[in-house]
Amino acid sequence: MEIQIDSKPSYSMAVVTLDEGESLIAESGSMVAMSNSFEVDTTFNGRGSGFLDFLQALVVGLIRKHFAGESLFVNTYRSKKKGSELMVAPAMVGDIVNVSVEKGKPFTVQATSFLASAAGVSNDLIWGGFSMLFSKEGAFFLRCRGEGELLINSYGAIEKVEVNGSYIVDSGHVVGFQGDLQYKIQRVGGWKATLLSGEGLVLSFTGQGTLWLQTRNMGSLVDWLSPMLPK
């Protein structure tokens, strides 16, 4: 599998070239164009086979849609010949980064930032904490495990930050993180600062690892647009 990211960082699109038998799992609606040498299978945003697995996948898919901001379905594109080309892009303007997931080194991603992954990468929902329900960013993260390529997307450009100690990030700017990092949700200051500063809740990271941050905040965009919408 070869991946090239075009039109960075504002209007990024991933061009994925697959060998025969390789597959890419992508968010519903993310396909831009593709060769005519793919088999496409659409499933609920949760994997499994059999009736019980189907019910579990349905429940997980519904949770991801309503609480994590993801689409209900994912598409699996399986290449039928070498050199098949698939182009994928997120709905919002912004950047795409390709991350290699290794065994024993999971990658945690903000649920709305998952774009696509190789078939060898699976993901599980992680409860982000009750306070995340009020942060406008969704209450869940995805923990991506296994081995293979992972495509994450952002609103705005993506900045990579190495952390060794502690670091504080606005909850709306976290794309993903990897390594020995723990986090807790807290206010940016006292209640006055929380209510009046416009910063709201932040994630306080401690440990050693890598953060991927987006330069723009989707919640801030919604707040900016809301007064302009007709009532």
Protein backbone atom coordinates (compact mmCIF):
# COMPACT_ATOMS: atom_id res chain seq x y z
CA MET A 1 0.00 0.00 0.00
CA GLU A 2 1.36 3.38 -1.01
CA ILE A 3 -0.14 6.66 0.21
CA GLN A 4 0.39 10.15 -1.17
CA ILE A 5 -1.20 13.24 0.37
CA ASP A 6 -2.02 16.00 -2.13
CA SER A 7 -3.18 19.63 -1.70
CA LYS A 8 -1.86 20.02 1.85
CA PRO A 9 -2.70 21.51 4.27
CA SER A 10 -6.01 23.23 3.48
CA TYR A 11 -7.71 20.84 1.04
CA SER A 12 -5.85 17.59 1.58
CA MET A 13 -6.72 14.41 -0.31
CA ALA A 14 -5.14 10.98 0.12
CA VAL A 15 -4.25 9.01 -3.02
CA VAL A 16 -3.91 5.34 -2.02
CA THR A 17 -2.41 2.74 -4.36
CA LEU A 18 -3.11 -0.88 -3.41
CA ASP A 19 -1.77 -4.25 -4.54
CA GLU A 20 -4.09 -7.10 -5.43
CA GLY A 21 -5.93 -8.35 -2.33
CA GLU A 22 -5.18 -5.28 -0.19
CA SER A 23 -8.07 -3.39 1.40
CA LEU A 24 -8.75 0.08 2.74
CA ILE A 25 -11.54 0.80 5.22
CA ALA A 26 -12.84 4.36 4.83
CA GLU A 27 -15.52 6.58 6.30
CA SER A 28 -18.78 6.63 4.37
CA GLY A 29 -18.83 9.44 1.81
CA SER A 30 -15.05 9.96 1.81
CA MET A 31 -14.37 8.41 -1.62
CA VAL A 32 -13.46 11.02 -4.27
CA ALA A 33 -12.54 8.74 -7.17
CA MET A 34 -11.22 5.22 -7.78
CA SER A 35 -10.09 2.71 -10.37
CA ASN A 36 -12.69 0.27 -11.67
CA SER A 37 -10.78 -2.61 -10.07
CA PHE A 38 -12.26 -2.48 -6.55
CA GLU A 39 -14.84 -4.56 -4.76
CA VAL A 40 -16.78 -2.34 -2.35
CA ASP A 41 -18.53 -3.64 0.76
CA THR A 42 -20.55 -1.39 3.08
CA THR A 43 -20.96 -2.38 6.73
CA PHE A 44 -21.97 -0.82 10.01
CA ASN A 45 -19.24 1.18 11.73
CA GLY A 46 -18.26 -1.82 13.82
CA ARG A 47 -16.94 -5.12 12.55
CA GLY A 48 -18.07 -8.70 12.92
CA SER A 49 -19.83 -11.62 11.27
CA GLY A 50 -22.83 -13.64 12.34
CA PHE A 51 -26.07 -12.44 13.86
CA LEU A 52 -24.73 -11.55 17.32
CA ASP A 53 -21.74 -9.79 15.80
CA PHE A 54 -24.13 -7.95 13.49
CA LEU A 55 -26.17 -6.71 16.47
CA GLN A 56 -22.99 -5.67 18.26
CA ALA A 57 -21.75 -3.85 15.16
CA LEU A 58 -25.11 -2.08 14.85
CA VAL A 59 -25.01 -0.91 18.48
CA VAL A 60 -21.40 0.26 18.18
CA GLY A 61 -22.21 2.03 14.91
CA LEU A 62 -25.15 3.87 16.47
CA ILE A 63 -23.01 4.93 19.44
CA ARG A 64 -20.31 6.22 17.12
CA LYS A 65 -22.81 8.15 15.05
CA HIS A 66 -24.73 9.84 17.87
CA PHE A 67 -22.04 10.25 20.54
CA ALA A 68 -18.76 10.26 18.65
CA GLY A 69 -19.83 12.22 15.55
CA GLU A 70 -18.91 9.49 13.07
CA SER A 71 -20.89 8.14 10.15
CA LEU A 72 -23.03 5.06 10.74
CA PHE A 73 -21.40 3.06 7.91
CA VAL A 74 -17.90 2.38 6.64
CA ASN A 75 -16.83 1.16 3.21
CA THR A 76 -14.22 -1.52 2.57
CA TYR A 77 -12.43 -1.18 -0.77
CA ARG A 78 -10.68 -4.40 -1.83
CA SER A 79 -8.29 -4.22 -4.76
CA LYS A 80 -8.70 -6.86 -7.47
CA LYS A 81 -5.42 -6.06 -9.20
CA LYS A 82 -2.06 -4.47 -8.54
CA GLY A 83 -1.89 -0.70 -8.87
CA SER A 84 -5.54 0.05 -8.06
CA GLU A 85 -5.91 3.72 -7.09
CA LEU A 86 -8.35 5.15 -4.56
CA MET A 87 -8.74 8.81 -3.60
CA VAL A 88 -10.32 9.75 -0.25
CA ALA A 89 -10.90 13.09 1.46
CA PRO A 90 -12.77 14.34 4.56
CA ALA A 91 -15.94 16.41 4.42
CA MET A 92 -14.35 19.48 6.04
CA VAL A 93 -11.46 21.52 4.70
CA GLY A 94 -8.21 20.66 6.39
CA ASP A 95 -5.22 18.38 6.54
CA ILE A 96 -4.60 14.63 6.32
CA VAL A 97 -1.72 12.77 7.96
CA ASN A 98 -0.65 9.17 7.41
CA VAL A 99 0.35 7.34 10.61
CA SER A 100 1.80 3.82 10.74
CA VAL A 101 0.23 1.78 13.55
CA GLU A 102 2.53 -0.88 14.99
CA LYS A 103 1.68 -3.89 17.12
CA GLY A 104 1.68 -2.98 20.79
CA LYS A 105 1.68 0.74 20.00
CA PRO A 106 -1.96 1.85 19.71
CA PHE A 107 -2.89 5.26 18.36
CA THR A 108 -5.74 7.19 19.99
CA VAL A 109 -7.69 9.51 17.71
CA GLN A 110 -10.53 11.97 18.20
CA ALA A 111 -13.51 10.08 16.75
CA THR A 112 -14.32 12.68 14.11
CA SER A 113 -10.70 12.66 12.88
CA PHE A 114 -10.69 9.05 11.64
CA LEU A 115 -10.66 8.94 7.84
CA ALA A 116 -9.43 5.50 6.75
CA SER A 117 -7.17 2.61 7.66
CA ALA A 118 -5.68 -0.59 6.33
CA ALA A 119 -7.61 -3.79 7.06
CA GLY A 120 -5.04 -4.76 9.69
CA VAL A 121 -6.02 -1.84 11.93
CA SER A 122 -9.03 -2.21 14.22
CA ASN A 123 -10.49 0.44 16.50
CA ASP A 124 -12.39 0.46 19.77
CA LEU A 125 -14.42 3.19 21.40
CA ILE A 126 -12.92 4.83 24.48
CA TRP A 127 -15.10 6.78 26.88
CA GLY A 128 -13.50 10.22 27.06
CA GLY A 129 -15.12 11.13 30.36
CA PHE A 130 -18.49 12.52 31.38
CA SER A 131 -17.24 16.10 31.06
CA MET A 132 -16.53 15.54 27.35
CA LEU A 133 -20.29 15.44 26.76
CA PHE A 134 -20.31 19.19 27.37
CA SER A 135 -17.16 20.06 25.43
CA LYS A 136 -18.86 20.08 21.96
CA GLU A 137 -16.20 17.65 20.69
CA GLY A 138 -17.94 14.33 21.38
CA ALA A 139 -17.67 11.98 24.35
CA PHE A 140 -15.50 9.27 22.80
CA PHE A 141 -12.05 8.61 21.37
CA LEU A 142 -11.07 5.74 19.07
CA ARG A 143 -8.13 3.53 20.01
CA CYS A 144 -6.61 2.12 16.83
CA ARG A 145 -4.72 -1.15 17.28
CA GLY A 146 -3.02 -3.72 15.12
CA GLU A 147 -0.65 -3.11 12.25
CA GLY A 148 -1.00 -0.98 9.15
CA GLU A 149 -1.55 2.50 7.80
CA LEU A 150 -3.98 4.96 9.40
CA LEU A 151 -5.26 8.18 7.83
CA ILE A 152 -6.38 10.94 10.19
CA ASN A 153 -7.90 14.26 9.18
CA SER A 154 -8.34 17.65 10.79
CA TYR A 155 -10.12 20.96 10.51
CA GLY A 156 -7.17 23.22 9.66
CA ALA A 157 -3.55 22.13 9.46
CA ILE A 158 -2.04 19.44 11.69
CA GLU A 159 0.83 20.21 14.05
CA LYS A 160 2.91 17.49 15.73
CA VAL A 161 4.08 18.10 19.31
CA GLU A 162 6.47 15.90 21.30
CA VAL A 163 5.57 15.78 24.99
CA ASN A 164 7.87 14.84 27.85
CA GLY A 165 6.25 15.94 31.08
CA SER A 166 2.99 17.84 30.88
CA TYR A 167 1.10 19.74 28.20
CA ILE A 168 -2.34 21.39 28.02
CA VAL A 169 -4.51 21.41 24.88
CA ASP A 170 -7.95 22.83 24.21
CA SER A 171 -10.26 19.84 23.78
CA GLY A 172 -11.35 21.06 20.34
CA HIS A 173 -7.81 20.98 18.95
CA VAL A 174 -6.84 17.38 19.72
CA VAL A 175 -6.60 15.13 16.66
CA GLY A 176 -4.79 12.17 18.19
CA PHE A 177 -2.00 11.00 20.46
CA GLN A 178 0.38 8.09 20.86
CA GLY A 179 2.83 6.87 23.46
CA ASP A 180 2.82 6.76 27.24
CA LEU A 181 0.41 9.66 27.67
CA GLN A 182 -2.36 10.01 30.22
CA TYR A 183 -4.91 12.81 30.20
CA LYS A 184 -7.50 14.39 32.41
CA ILE A 185 -10.20 16.91 31.61
CA GLN A 186 -10.10 20.17 33.52
CA ARG A 187 -11.08 23.81 33.38
CA VAL A 188 -8.65 26.30 31.88
CA GLY A 189 -8.72 28.26 35.13
CA GLY A 190 -11.35 29.17 37.70
CA TRP A 191 -15.05 29.27 36.90
CA LYS A 192 -14.74 32.90 35.79
CA ALA A 193 -12.07 32.02 33.23
CA THR A 194 -14.02 28.94 32.13
CA LEU A 195 -17.21 30.91 31.52
CA LEU A 196 -15.75 34.13 30.09
CA SER A 197 -12.44 33.25 28.42
CA GLY A 198 -13.98 31.24 25.58
CA GLU A 199 -11.58 28.36 26.26
CA GLY A 200 -13.95 26.04 28.15
CA LEU A 201 -12.52 22.59 28.93
CA VAL A 202 -8.96 21.52 28.22
CA LEU A 203 -7.11 18.20 28.20
CA SER A 204 -4.11 18.08 30.50
CA PHE A 205 -1.64 15.47 29.21
CA THR A 206 1.16 13.96 31.28
CA GLY A 207 3.85 11.46 30.35
CA GLN A 208 5.93 10.95 27.22
CA GLY A 209 4.56 10.68 23.71
CA THR A 210 3.36 12.56 20.65
CA LEU A 211 0.33 14.78 20.14
CA TRP A 212 -1.26 15.68 16.80
CA LEU A 213 -3.16 18.98 17.01
CA GLN A 214 -5.39 20.83 14.55
CA THR A 215 -4.97 24.57 14.09
CA ARG A 216 -8.72 25.25 13.94
CA ASN A 217 -11.62 24.32 16.25
CA MET A 218 -14.88 22.96 14.83
CA GLY A 219 -16.85 24.11 17.88
CA SER A 220 -15.61 27.67 17.40
CA LEU A 221 -16.71 27.56 13.76
CA VAL A 222 -20.20 26.47 14.78
CA ASP A 223 -20.40 29.26 17.39
CA TRP A 224 -19.25 31.80 14.78
CA LEU A 225 -21.80 30.66 12.19
CA SER A 226 -24.81 30.23 14.47
CA PRO A 227 -25.75 33.94 14.83
CA MET A 228 -25.73 34.30 11.02
CA LEU A 229 -28.16 31.47 10.35
CA PRO A 230 -31.82 32.34 9.69
CA LYS A 231 -34.18 31.64 12.57
